[in-house]
N, C-alpha and C. Protein backbone atom coordinates (compact mmCIF):
# COMPACT_ATOMS: atom_id res chain seq x y z
N MET A 1 23.08 29.21 1.60
CA MET A 1 21.94 29.59 2.17
C MET A 1 20.49 29.00 1.59
N ALA A 2 20.23 28.82 0.19
CA ALA A 2 19.17 29.04 -0.49
C ALA A 2 19.36 27.48 0.13
N GLU A 3 20.24 26.96 -0.19
CA GLU A 3 19.97 25.35 -0.37
C GLU A 3 19.60 24.54 1.24
N ASN A 4 20.12 25.09 2.41
CA ASN A 4 19.69 25.34 3.83
C ASN A 4 17.81 25.40 3.53
N LYS A 5 16.99 26.57 2.90
CA LYS A 5 16.37 27.17 3.43
C LYS A 5 15.66 25.79 2.29
N GLU A 6 15.57 25.21 1.61
CA GLU A 6 14.82 24.22 0.58
C GLU A 6 14.96 22.68 1.48
N THR A 7 16.35 22.54 2.10
CA THR A 7 16.07 21.77 3.28
C THR A 7 14.98 21.58 4.58
N LEU A 8 15.08 22.79 5.05
CA LEU A 8 13.76 23.43 5.91
C LEU A 8 12.74 22.96 5.44
N ALA A 9 12.56 23.67 4.15
CA ALA A 9 11.04 23.62 3.88
C ALA A 9 10.38 21.99 3.34
N GLU A 10 11.58 21.20 2.71
CA GLU A 10 11.43 19.63 2.86
C GLU A 10 11.12 19.11 4.20
N ASP A 11 11.93 19.30 5.43
CA ASP A 11 11.36 19.00 6.64
C ASP A 11 10.21 19.47 6.93
N ARG A 12 9.83 20.43 6.78
CA ARG A 12 8.33 21.19 7.38
C ARG A 12 7.37 20.38 6.63
N THR A 13 7.62 19.94 5.16
CA THR A 13 6.41 19.25 4.70
C THR A 13 5.84 17.82 5.05
N ASP A 14 7.68 17.49 5.44
CA ASP A 14 7.67 15.72 6.15
C ASP A 14 6.72 15.66 7.42
N LEU A 15 6.99 16.87 8.05
CA LEU A 15 6.75 17.00 9.61
C LEU A 15 5.31 17.25 9.52
N ALA A 16 4.57 18.07 8.46
CA ALA A 16 2.97 18.30 8.13
C ALA A 16 2.51 17.23 7.47
N GLU A 17 3.03 16.24 6.64
CA GLU A 17 2.29 14.98 6.53
C GLU A 17 2.43 13.69 7.52
N ASP A 18 3.46 13.81 8.34
CA ASP A 18 3.45 13.32 9.27
C ASP A 18 2.26 13.42 10.41
N ARG A 19 1.93 14.82 10.55
CA ARG A 19 0.96 15.41 11.53
C ARG A 19 -0.36 14.82 10.88
N THR A 20 -0.16 14.51 9.93
CA THR A 20 -1.59 14.57 8.85
C THR A 20 -1.95 12.77 9.14
N VAL A 21 -0.92 12.36 8.89
CA VAL A 21 -0.60 10.62 9.36
C VAL A 21 -1.12 10.20 10.53
N LEU A 22 -0.70 10.96 11.16
CA LEU A 22 -1.23 11.31 13.02
C LEU A 22 -2.70 11.25 13.27
N ALA A 23 -3.55 12.52 12.72
CA ALA A 23 -4.57 12.95 12.87
C ALA A 23 -5.48 12.14 12.40
N HIS A 24 -5.30 11.48 11.03
CA HIS A 24 -6.05 10.68 10.27
C HIS A 24 -6.05 9.14 11.45
N GLU A 25 -5.11 8.68 11.96
CA GLU A 25 -5.03 8.14 12.94
C GLU A 25 -6.52 8.21 14.10
N ARG A 26 -6.06 9.45 14.52
CA ARG A 26 -7.25 9.83 15.69
C ARG A 26 -8.71 9.93 15.33
N SER A 27 -8.89 9.89 13.77
CA SER A 27 -9.67 9.63 13.31
C SER A 27 -10.64 8.66 13.05
N TYR A 28 -9.57 7.67 12.84
CA TYR A 28 -10.31 6.40 12.65
C TYR A 28 -10.27 5.83 14.46
N ALA A 29 -9.60 6.11 15.59
CA ALA A 29 -10.10 5.63 16.57
C ALA A 29 -11.52 6.36 16.71
N GLY A 30 -11.95 7.65 16.92
CA GLY A 30 -12.79 8.49 17.29
C GLY A 30 -14.13 7.37 16.38
N TRP A 31 -13.48 6.51 15.16
CA TRP A 31 -15.16 6.24 14.58
C TRP A 31 -15.09 4.82 15.26
N VAL A 32 -14.41 4.43 16.01
CA VAL A 32 -14.48 2.76 16.63
C VAL A 32 -15.14 3.29 17.48
N ARG A 33 -14.00 4.13 18.57
CA ARG A 33 -15.31 4.26 19.73
C ARG A 33 -16.33 4.52 19.54
N THR A 34 -17.23 5.21 17.99
CA THR A 34 -18.91 5.73 17.94
C THR A 34 -18.77 3.90 17.85
N GLY A 35 -18.26 3.41 17.02
CA GLY A 35 -19.09 2.30 16.78
C GLY A 35 -18.94 1.26 18.20
N MET A 36 -17.89 1.33 19.16
CA MET A 36 -18.45 0.32 20.22
C MET A 36 -19.29 1.53 21.40
N ALA A 37 -19.73 2.49 20.71
CA ALA A 37 -20.70 3.15 21.98
C ALA A 37 -21.99 2.81 21.54
N ALA A 38 -22.16 2.38 20.30
CA ALA A 38 -23.20 2.02 19.51
C ALA A 38 -23.49 0.70 20.32
N VAL A 39 -22.50 -0.64 20.14
CA VAL A 39 -22.55 -1.52 20.93
C VAL A 39 -22.88 -1.67 22.45
N GLY A 40 -22.52 -0.59 22.93
CA GLY A 40 -22.82 -0.18 24.72
C GLY A 40 -24.46 0.15 25.06
N ILE A 41 -24.93 1.12 23.53
CA ILE A 41 -26.13 1.15 23.98
C ILE A 41 -26.95 0.53 23.56
N GLY A 42 -26.70 -0.75 22.65
CA GLY A 42 -27.48 -1.51 22.44
C GLY A 42 -27.63 -3.00 23.77
N LEU A 43 -26.80 -3.13 24.25
CA LEU A 43 -26.37 -3.38 25.55
C LEU A 43 -27.51 -3.38 26.79
N GLY A 44 -27.21 -1.48 26.56
CA GLY A 44 -28.09 -1.01 27.56
C GLY A 44 -29.35 -1.29 27.10
N LEU A 45 -29.60 -0.91 26.36
CA LEU A 45 -31.22 -0.97 26.09
C LEU A 45 -31.95 -2.63 26.01
N ASN A 46 -30.80 -3.58 25.52
CA ASN A 46 -31.18 -4.34 25.70
C ASN A 46 -31.71 -5.22 27.15
N ALA A 47 -31.06 -4.48 28.07
CA ALA A 47 -30.62 -4.83 29.57
C ALA A 47 -32.22 -4.03 30.12
N LEU A 48 -32.06 -2.86 29.47
CA LEU A 48 -33.21 -1.89 30.23
C LEU A 48 -34.15 -2.34 29.88
N PHE A 49 -34.96 -2.83 28.76
CA PHE A 49 -36.30 -3.54 28.24
C PHE A 49 -36.27 -5.21 28.50
N ARG A 50 -35.80 -5.34 28.92
CA ARG A 50 -35.64 -6.98 29.03
C ARG A 50 -36.74 -7.34 29.16
N SER A 51 -37.77 -7.06 29.93
CA SER A 51 -39.06 -6.97 30.56
C SER A 51 -40.23 -7.29 29.93
N LEU A 52 -39.88 -6.12 28.94
CA LEU A 52 -40.91 -6.03 27.53
C LEU A 52 -41.16 -6.93 26.89
N GLU A 53 -42.40 -7.05 26.71
CA GLU A 53 -43.47 -8.06 26.02
C GLU A 53 -43.64 -7.82 24.53
N PRO A 54 -43.50 -8.46 23.26
CA PRO A 54 -42.70 -9.56 23.13
C PRO A 54 -41.12 -9.46 23.67
N ALA A 55 -40.43 -10.36 24.04
CA ALA A 55 -39.18 -10.53 24.66
C ALA A 55 -38.44 -10.14 23.32
N TRP A 56 -38.88 -10.52 22.12
CA TRP A 56 -37.79 -9.92 20.69
C TRP A 56 -37.62 -8.53 20.50
N VAL A 57 -38.46 -7.82 20.82
CA VAL A 57 -38.34 -6.08 20.89
C VAL A 57 -37.09 -5.76 21.19
N ALA A 58 -36.94 -5.73 22.47
CA ALA A 58 -35.76 -5.58 23.09
C ALA A 58 -34.01 -6.35 22.41
N LYS A 59 -34.21 -7.52 22.10
CA LYS A 59 -33.30 -8.09 21.31
C LYS A 59 -33.05 -7.08 19.91
N GLY A 60 -34.56 -6.83 19.01
CA GLY A 60 -34.46 -6.46 18.14
C GLY A 60 -34.05 -5.00 18.16
N ILE A 61 -34.01 -4.39 18.98
CA ILE A 61 -33.58 -2.67 19.36
C ILE A 61 -32.06 -3.38 19.50
N ALA A 62 -31.42 -3.98 20.18
CA ALA A 62 -30.21 -4.09 20.36
C ALA A 62 -29.74 -4.61 19.05
N THR A 63 -29.91 -5.51 18.62
CA THR A 63 -29.09 -5.95 17.51
C THR A 63 -29.06 -5.22 16.01
N GLY A 64 -30.22 -3.99 16.26
CA GLY A 64 -30.38 -2.55 15.64
C GLY A 64 -29.04 -1.90 15.29
N PHE A 65 -28.96 -1.43 16.73
CA PHE A 65 -27.32 -0.83 17.42
C PHE A 65 -25.97 -1.59 17.21
N PHE A 66 -26.16 -3.37 17.55
CA PHE A 66 -25.15 -3.85 16.60
C PHE A 66 -24.61 -3.59 15.22
N VAL A 67 -25.82 -3.77 14.53
CA VAL A 67 -26.15 -3.66 13.21
C VAL A 67 -24.91 -1.99 12.65
N ILE A 68 -25.84 -1.14 13.28
CA ILE A 68 -24.91 0.11 13.05
C ILE A 68 -23.57 0.54 13.32
N ALA A 69 -23.55 -0.58 14.79
CA ALA A 69 -21.79 -0.14 15.06
C ALA A 69 -20.94 -1.16 13.92
N ILE A 70 -21.40 -2.43 13.36
CA ILE A 70 -20.55 -3.07 12.41
C ILE A 70 -20.57 -2.04 11.40
N LEU A 71 -21.18 -1.28 10.26
CA LEU A 71 -21.59 -0.90 9.77
C LEU A 71 -20.55 0.85 10.39
N ILE A 72 -20.83 1.41 10.80
CA ILE A 72 -19.38 1.97 11.67
C ILE A 72 -18.59 1.43 11.06
N PHE A 73 -18.01 0.20 12.01
CA PHE A 73 -16.54 -0.15 11.62
C PHE A 73 -15.84 -0.43 10.58
N PHE A 74 -16.62 -0.92 9.66
CA PHE A 74 -16.44 -1.19 7.88
C PHE A 74 -16.48 0.51 7.11
N SER A 75 -16.92 1.22 8.15
CA SER A 75 -16.97 2.53 6.84
C SER A 75 -15.86 3.06 7.66
N ALA A 76 -15.29 3.05 8.91
CA ALA A 76 -13.68 3.65 9.26
C ALA A 76 -12.87 2.87 8.80
N GLN A 77 -13.06 1.45 8.58
CA GLN A 77 -11.84 0.79 7.85
C GLN A 77 -11.76 1.27 6.22
N ARG A 78 -12.75 1.39 5.81
CA ARG A 78 -12.80 1.79 4.69
C ARG A 78 -12.23 3.19 4.27
N ARG A 79 -12.65 4.37 5.28
CA ARG A 79 -12.07 5.35 4.71
C ARG A 79 -10.29 5.24 5.40
N ALA A 80 -9.96 4.81 6.19
CA ALA A 80 -8.52 4.40 6.64
C ALA A 80 -7.82 4.18 6.10
N CYS A 81 -8.16 2.84 5.31
CA CYS A 81 -7.51 2.15 4.31
C CYS A 81 -7.09 3.31 3.09
N ARG A 82 -8.29 3.81 2.87
CA ARG A 82 -8.04 4.79 1.34
C ARG A 82 -6.99 5.62 2.04
N ILE A 83 -7.09 6.01 3.11
CA ILE A 83 -6.04 7.53 3.23
C ILE A 83 -4.86 7.21 3.54
N VAL A 84 -4.79 5.51 4.20
CA VAL A 84 -3.33 5.29 4.54
C VAL A 84 -2.25 4.98 3.19
N GLY A 85 -3.20 4.62 1.86
CA GLY A 85 -2.90 4.64 0.95
C GLY A 85 -2.27 5.90 0.30
N ARG A 86 -2.59 7.17 0.33
CA ARG A 86 -2.29 8.16 -0.15
C ARG A 86 -1.31 8.46 0.28
N LEU A 87 -1.52 8.56 1.96
CA LEU A 87 -0.37 9.05 2.67
C LEU A 87 1.77 8.80 2.63
N GLN A 88 2.25 9.42 2.79
CA GLN A 88 3.64 8.65 3.27
C GLN A 88 4.38 9.22 4.24
N PRO A 89 4.18 8.08 5.69
CA PRO A 89 4.90 8.67 6.94
C PRO A 89 6.27 8.77 6.82
N HIS A 90 7.22 9.33 7.27
CA HIS A 90 8.29 10.27 7.36
C HIS A 90 9.14 9.76 8.41
N THR A 91 8.74 9.95 9.86
CA THR A 91 9.34 9.86 11.06
C THR A 91 8.79 9.28 12.19
N VAL A 92 6.95 9.29 11.48
CA VAL A 92 6.40 8.51 12.74
C VAL A 92 6.02 6.81 11.88
N SER A 93 5.54 5.77 12.78
CA SER A 93 4.99 4.46 12.62
C SER A 93 3.42 5.10 12.26
N GLU A 94 3.62 4.12 11.10
CA GLU A 94 1.68 4.21 10.98
C GLU A 94 0.89 3.01 11.22
N LEU A 95 -0.45 3.42 11.33
CA LEU A 95 -1.39 2.01 11.52
C LEU A 95 -1.38 1.43 9.88
N GLY A 96 -0.94 0.25 9.63
CA GLY A 96 -0.77 0.17 8.02
C GLY A 96 -2.21 -0.64 7.84
N PRO A 97 -2.66 -1.04 6.49
CA PRO A 97 -4.23 -1.34 6.53
C PRO A 97 -4.19 -2.76 6.71
N VAL A 98 -3.40 -3.68 7.26
CA VAL A 98 -3.69 -4.75 7.48
C VAL A 98 -3.63 -5.08 8.79
N ARG A 99 -3.42 -4.15 9.71
CA ARG A 99 -4.14 -4.15 11.21
C ARG A 99 -4.98 -3.37 11.41
N ILE A 100 -5.30 -2.60 10.53
CA ILE A 100 -6.57 -1.69 10.50
C ILE A 100 -7.78 -2.80 10.37
N ARG A 101 -7.46 -3.58 9.28
CA ARG A 101 -8.40 -4.98 8.95
C ARG A 101 -8.29 -5.76 9.89
N ILE A 102 -7.01 -6.07 10.59
CA ILE A 102 -7.34 -7.03 11.92
C ILE A 102 -8.67 -6.68 12.49
N MET A 103 -7.92 -5.12 13.20
CA MET A 103 -8.82 -4.76 14.26
C MET A 103 -10.40 -4.56 13.97
N THR A 104 -10.75 -3.60 12.54
CA THR A 104 -11.81 -3.99 11.84
C THR A 104 -12.60 -5.51 12.02
N TRP A 105 -11.81 -6.80 11.87
CA TRP A 105 -12.79 -7.73 11.61
C TRP A 105 -12.73 -8.48 13.01
N SER A 106 -11.75 -8.01 14.50
CA SER A 106 -12.20 -8.52 15.40
C SER A 106 -13.10 -7.65 16.10
N LEU A 107 -13.51 -6.33 15.60
CA LEU A 107 -14.64 -5.62 16.63
C LEU A 107 -15.74 -6.33 15.87
N VAL A 108 -16.01 -6.56 14.77
CA VAL A 108 -17.37 -7.05 13.73
C VAL A 108 -17.20 -8.24 14.59
N THR A 109 -16.00 -9.58 14.47
CA THR A 109 -16.60 -10.70 15.41
C THR A 109 -17.17 -10.62 16.54
N VAL A 110 -16.39 -10.10 17.29
CA VAL A 110 -17.00 -9.71 18.93
C VAL A 110 -18.53 -9.34 18.88
N THR A 111 -18.65 -8.41 18.26
CA THR A 111 -20.09 -7.61 17.69
C THR A 111 -21.26 -8.64 17.47
N VAL A 112 -20.69 -9.14 16.60
CA VAL A 112 -21.75 -10.38 15.98
C VAL A 112 -22.00 -11.70 17.20
N VAL A 113 -21.08 -11.78 18.12
CA VAL A 113 -20.81 -12.95 18.53
C VAL A 113 -22.07 -12.57 19.86
N LEU A 114 -21.73 -10.74 20.22
CA LEU A 114 -22.62 -11.08 21.98
C LEU A 114 -24.21 -10.38 20.77
N ALA A 115 -24.07 -10.17 19.13
CA ALA A 115 -25.99 -10.51 19.62
C ALA A 115 -26.40 -11.88 19.19
N GLY A 116 -25.27 -12.77 18.71
CA GLY A 116 -25.88 -14.23 19.11
C GLY A 116 -26.18 -14.27 20.42
N ALA A 117 -25.33 -13.61 21.27
CA ALA A 117 -25.41 -14.56 22.64
C ALA A 117 -26.68 -13.98 23.72
N ILE A 118 -27.39 -12.49 22.79
CA ILE A 118 -28.07 -11.92 23.17
C ILE A 118 -29.65 -12.88 22.71
N TRP A 119 -29.51 -13.50 21.36
CA TRP A 119 -30.40 -14.02 21.06
C TRP A 119 -30.62 -15.33 21.61
N LEU A 120 -29.34 -15.88 21.60
CA LEU A 120 -29.38 -17.62 22.18
C LEU A 120 -29.04 -17.95 23.98
N LEU A 121 -28.61 -16.85 24.54
CA LEU A 121 -28.06 -17.49 25.57
C LEU A 121 -29.33 -16.34 26.74
N VAL A 122 -29.78 -15.12 26.09
CA VAL A 122 -30.62 -14.36 27.12
C VAL A 122 -31.58 -15.04 27.59
N PRO A 123 -31.74 -15.51 28.62
CA PRO A 123 -33.40 -16.26 28.79
C PRO A 123 -35.03 -15.05 28.40
N ALA A 124 -35.40 -15.23 27.48
CA ALA A 124 -36.65 -14.49 27.11
C ALA A 124 -37.65 -14.14 28.03
């Protein structure tokens, strides 16, 4: 009887840690969504104020939001990788640090390319 209770307690502990892993991944996804929202706001403001004189003002505002997005992406990566290193999933498949870094660097690269496109391709 006592052995069965101990096994059940270990199972509950393992499941709790799995739930924590999944909650952490939802938090990372939330940070990424926030970064993507900053990119969207930058694009929207650039489109809205494109006719503003001088032309670099709208581009500068958009670039500011892109920089904020990049900082959010890196902050999310740093936090996510630190937490993943402390947790040990038992029955769930976790989003590993390598995949988190690939996703972060992909988002940063696309954001930088977008900023470059606004400065170089959008007519003044």
